[in-house]
Amino acid sequence: MPVTVTWVGHSTFLVTSDAGTILIDPFLDECPTASMKARDVTCDAILLTHGHFDHIADAAGIAMRTGAKVYAAFEIANWLERQGVANVQAMNYGGTAAVPGGTARMEIAFHSSSLPDGSYGGNPAGWLLDLEGKRIYVAGDTGVFSDMERIGRARDGRGLDLAIVPIGDLFTMGPDESLEAIRLVRPKHVLPCHYGTWPPIAQDAHAWAEAVRRERLAEPHVLVPGGTFTLA
């Protein structure tokens, strides 16, 4: 069955299949590049990579309005419950949970994590999704690390269909370092994120895509906010 990935802007994505819609890192109302507002989102589950404002700003409001279950690090889950979110699944590295269309496993990321009020946000994370027979790696905010090879390693004869990687630099890996990450995880397709939102993380995504193609690492797809890519 097809799985459609929509880049809302920054690091916010909607991943949709016949089983439902998963929202990743909701930052909409105060994101200058977002293609929609929080009030417009419908989803069945929410995945959070870490607690920074530009990844969690609209999570509580959307979760309470839609009833979507939120999957997050233990500390973030506890914080969301204090905000009034009732349907929360606390997790940590290596944990796997059922989500609409399949499973989500919390993976390592090398970054930091604090919540909007300054409290500790636990471990930053990435997500490995297995949805409708498609395997998708959402790297989250991170630099490159050697365990990416393990994350991308083929299982049951299948590797990654898609990787979503940050390219903004300064707060995450930049375009050059992302090439090494793609080389390690070996996806069929790759999408960039966490760039272009503000001047400090401005990047030429088309030049990045040309580099990915030139090195034959994967098939890159540069979306505009609101744009979609479908794994058939």
Protein backbone atom coordinates (compact mmCIF):
# COMPACT_ATOMS: atom_id res chain seq x y z
CA MET A 1 0.00 0.00 0.00
CA PRO A 2 1.28 3.52 -0.71
CA VAL A 3 2.64 5.80 2.00
CA THR A 4 2.64 9.55 1.35
CA VAL A 5 5.02 11.92 3.11
CA THR A 6 4.17 15.63 3.25
CA TRP A 7 6.76 18.22 4.29
CA VAL A 8 4.81 20.84 6.19
CA GLY A 9 7.94 22.91 6.79
CA HIS A 10 11.11 22.93 8.96
CA SER A 11 11.07 19.39 10.47
CA THR A 12 7.32 18.85 10.51
CA PHE A 13 5.99 15.97 8.40
CA LEU A 14 2.71 14.18 7.86
CA VAL A 15 3.05 10.48 6.99
CA THR A 16 -0.20 9.09 5.61
CA SER A 17 -1.35 5.60 4.68
CA ASP A 18 -4.72 3.88 4.46
CA ALA A 19 -4.36 3.12 8.18
CA GLY A 20 -4.13 6.76 9.24
CA THR A 21 -1.89 9.82 9.51
CA ILE A 22 1.21 10.27 11.67
CA LEU A 23 2.37 13.81 12.50
CA ILE A 24 6.08 14.30 13.23
CA ASP A 25 7.51 17.23 15.23
CA PRO A 26 4.64 19.74 14.98
CA PHE A 27 5.93 23.32 14.66
CA LEU A 28 3.34 25.25 12.68
CA ASP A 29 1.78 28.42 14.08
CA GLU A 30 5.11 30.19 14.70
CA CYS A 31 7.04 28.57 11.85
CA PRO A 32 7.61 31.14 9.08
CA THR A 33 7.66 28.49 6.34
CA ALA A 34 4.86 26.16 7.48
CA SER A 35 2.26 25.35 4.85
CA MET A 36 -0.59 25.01 7.36
CA LYS A 37 -1.68 26.03 10.83
CA ALA A 38 -2.08 23.77 13.84
CA ARG A 39 -5.88 24.12 13.69
CA ASP A 40 -5.85 22.57 10.20
CA VAL A 41 -4.04 19.37 11.17
CA THR A 42 -5.84 16.06 11.44
CA CYS A 43 -3.82 13.06 12.59
CA ASP A 44 -4.06 9.78 14.45
CA ALA A 45 -0.62 9.74 16.10
CA ILE A 46 2.17 12.20 16.89
CA LEU A 47 5.88 11.33 17.04
CA LEU A 48 8.34 13.70 18.72
CA THR A 49 12.10 13.55 18.24
CA HIS A 50 13.03 15.90 21.10
CA GLY A 51 11.81 18.78 23.23
CA HIS A 52 13.07 21.89 21.46
CA PHE A 53 10.41 24.48 20.68
CA ASP A 54 10.78 24.16 16.92
CA HIS A 55 9.77 20.49 17.15
CA ILE A 56 7.14 20.43 19.88
CA ALA A 57 5.46 23.86 19.92
CA ASP A 58 2.03 22.69 18.74
CA ALA A 59 2.13 19.11 20.02
CA ALA A 60 -0.02 19.55 23.12
CA GLY A 61 -2.71 21.59 21.39
CA ILE A 62 -3.03 19.22 18.44
CA ALA A 63 -3.01 16.15 20.68
CA MET A 64 -5.77 17.49 22.91
CA ARG A 65 -7.90 18.64 19.99
CA THR A 66 -7.58 15.46 17.89
CA GLY A 67 -7.09 12.82 20.58
CA ALA A 68 -4.02 11.57 18.70
CA LYS A 69 -1.65 9.44 20.77
CA VAL A 70 1.76 11.05 21.34
CA TYR A 71 4.94 8.96 21.32
CA ALA A 72 7.93 10.63 22.95
CA ALA A 73 10.86 10.23 25.32
CA PHE A 74 9.88 9.54 28.92
CA GLU A 75 10.66 13.07 30.11
CA ILE A 76 8.74 14.71 27.26
CA ALA A 77 5.77 12.39 27.86
CA ASN A 78 5.66 13.41 31.51
CA TRP A 79 5.86 17.10 30.54
CA LEU A 80 3.01 16.72 28.05
CA GLU A 81 0.85 15.06 30.68
CA ARG A 82 1.40 18.10 32.89
CA GLN A 83 0.14 20.24 29.98
CA GLY A 84 -3.09 18.23 30.00
CA VAL A 85 -2.34 15.66 27.27
CA ALA A 86 -3.90 12.36 28.32
CA ASN A 87 -3.03 9.99 25.46
CA VAL A 88 0.75 9.66 25.73
CA GLN A 89 3.17 6.77 25.26
CA ALA A 90 6.51 7.27 27.02
CA MET A 91 9.45 5.56 25.29
CA ASN A 92 13.22 5.41 25.15
CA TYR A 93 15.97 4.13 22.84
CA GLY A 94 15.28 0.73 21.32
CA GLY A 95 11.59 0.75 22.20
CA THR A 96 9.07 -0.12 19.50
CA ALA A 97 5.41 0.83 19.53
CA ALA A 98 2.43 0.14 17.29
CA VAL A 99 1.34 3.16 15.22
CA PRO A 100 -1.23 3.46 12.41
CA GLY A 101 -0.01 1.27 9.57
CA GLY A 102 2.82 -0.47 11.40
CA THR A 103 5.46 0.27 14.02
CA ALA A 104 7.79 3.05 15.18
CA ARG A 105 11.10 2.38 16.89
CA MET A 106 12.89 5.09 18.83
CA GLU A 107 16.48 5.42 17.65
CA ILE A 108 19.60 7.33 18.68
CA ALA A 109 20.24 10.95 17.71
CA PHE A 110 23.21 13.14 18.67
CA HIS A 111 21.80 16.49 19.73
CA SER A 112 20.40 18.08 22.90
CA SER A 113 16.87 18.24 24.29
CA SER A 114 15.22 20.73 26.60
CA LEU A 115 11.57 21.70 26.80
CA PRO A 116 10.08 25.16 26.16
CA ASP A 117 10.03 25.95 29.89
CA GLY A 118 13.71 25.01 30.21
CA SER A 119 13.16 21.64 31.87
CA TYR A 120 15.09 18.54 30.86
CA GLY A 121 13.80 16.86 27.70
CA GLY A 122 15.50 13.48 27.99
CA ASN A 123 17.35 11.87 25.09
CA PRO A 124 16.95 13.31 21.59
CA ALA A 125 15.82 10.67 19.12
CA GLY A 126 15.22 9.57 15.58
CA TRP A 127 12.45 7.23 14.44
CA LEU A 128 12.54 4.10 12.32
CA LEU A 129 9.09 3.55 10.85
CA ASP A 130 7.87 0.31 9.31
CA LEU A 131 4.57 1.25 7.67
CA GLU A 132 2.56 -0.74 5.15
CA GLY A 133 5.71 -2.59 4.09
CA LYS A 134 7.73 0.64 3.70
CA ARG A 135 10.73 1.41 5.92
CA ILE A 136 11.31 5.12 6.68
CA TYR A 137 14.08 6.62 8.82
CA VAL A 138 13.46 10.04 10.36
CA ALA A 139 16.88 11.13 11.63
CA GLY A 140 15.66 14.06 13.75
CA ASP A 141 18.09 16.79 14.72
CA THR A 142 21.49 15.13 14.70
CA GLY A 143 25.02 14.99 13.44
CA VAL A 144 26.31 11.92 11.65
CA PHE A 145 27.15 8.87 13.79
CA SER A 146 28.35 5.38 13.03
CA ASP A 147 25.19 3.61 14.26
CA MET A 148 23.44 4.96 11.20
CA GLU A 149 24.90 1.96 9.40
CA ARG A 150 23.05 -0.33 11.81
CA ILE A 151 19.80 1.63 11.43
CA GLY A 152 19.97 1.32 7.66
CA ARG A 153 21.03 -2.33 7.62
CA ALA A 154 18.70 -4.54 5.58
CA ARG A 155 16.29 -6.74 7.52
CA ASP A 156 14.35 -9.55 5.90
CA GLY A 157 16.06 -8.57 2.68
CA ARG A 158 14.75 -5.00 2.89
CA GLY A 159 16.70 -1.82 3.44
CA LEU A 160 15.39 1.72 3.86
CA ASP A 161 12.91 3.02 1.35
CA LEU A 162 13.29 6.61 2.55
CA ALA A 163 15.50 8.64 4.85
CA ILE A 164 14.64 12.14 6.08
CA VAL A 165 17.78 14.02 7.12
CA PRO A 166 18.54 17.56 8.33
CA ILE A 167 20.86 19.67 6.16
CA GLY A 168 20.69 23.12 7.78
CA ASP A 169 24.08 23.02 9.54
CA LEU A 170 24.89 25.02 12.71
CA PHE A 171 22.39 23.12 14.91
CA THR A 172 22.47 19.84 12.96
CA MET A 173 24.60 18.29 10.27
CA GLY A 174 24.96 20.36 7.14
CA PRO A 175 24.83 19.34 3.48
CA ASP A 176 28.33 17.84 3.32
CA GLU A 177 28.01 15.82 6.52
CA SER A 178 24.55 14.64 5.47
CA LEU A 179 26.15 12.90 2.49
CA GLU A 180 28.07 10.70 4.90
CA ALA A 181 24.85 9.97 6.80
CA ILE A 182 23.11 8.96 3.58
CA ARG A 183 26.09 6.81 2.67
CA LEU A 184 25.72 4.98 6.00
CA VAL A 185 21.96 4.39 5.97
CA ARG A 186 21.78 3.57 2.22
CA PRO A 187 18.17 4.56 1.49
CA LYS A 188 16.52 4.33 -1.90
CA HIS A 189 15.14 7.87 -1.53
CA VAL A 190 16.06 10.84 0.66
CA LEU A 191 14.34 14.08 1.72
CA PRO A 192 16.07 17.10 3.33
CA CYS A 193 14.64 19.05 6.27
CA HIS A 194 15.58 21.53 9.02
CA TYR A 195 16.83 24.15 6.57
CA GLY A 196 15.62 27.44 5.12
CA THR A 197 13.39 28.35 8.04
CA TRP A 198 15.60 31.24 9.18
CA PRO A 199 18.75 32.82 7.68
CA PRO A 200 21.23 30.95 9.95
CA ILE A 201 20.13 27.61 8.45
CA ALA A 202 19.63 28.73 4.85
CA GLN A 203 20.90 26.14 2.36
CA ASP A 204 20.77 25.45 -1.37
CA ALA A 205 18.78 22.21 -1.30
CA HIS A 206 19.01 21.77 -5.06
CA ALA A 207 22.82 21.87 -4.91
CA TRP A 208 22.61 19.30 -2.11
CA ALA A 209 20.40 17.09 -4.30
CA GLU A 210 22.88 17.35 -7.15
CA ALA A 211 25.64 16.16 -4.82
CA VAL A 212 23.53 13.21 -3.66
CA ARG A 213 22.90 12.21 -7.27
CA ARG A 214 26.49 12.77 -8.34
CA GLU A 215 27.73 10.38 -5.66
CA ARG A 216 24.91 7.92 -6.45
CA LEU A 217 23.89 7.70 -2.81
CA ALA A 218 20.09 7.76 -3.23
CA GLU A 219 17.38 9.48 -5.21
CA PRO A 220 16.90 12.92 -3.60
CA HIS A 221 13.59 14.76 -3.56
CA VAL A 222 13.47 18.46 -2.68
CA LEU A 223 9.97 19.47 -1.63
CA VAL A 224 8.45 22.88 -1.03
CA PRO A 225 6.43 23.23 2.18
CA GLY A 226 3.16 21.43 1.53
CA GLY A 227 4.78 19.22 -1.10
CA THR A 228 4.40 15.45 -1.05
CA PHE A 229 6.37 12.34 -1.94
CA THR A 230 4.71 8.93 -2.23
CA LEU A 231 6.27 5.53 -1.71
CA ALA A 232 4.15 3.27 -3.90
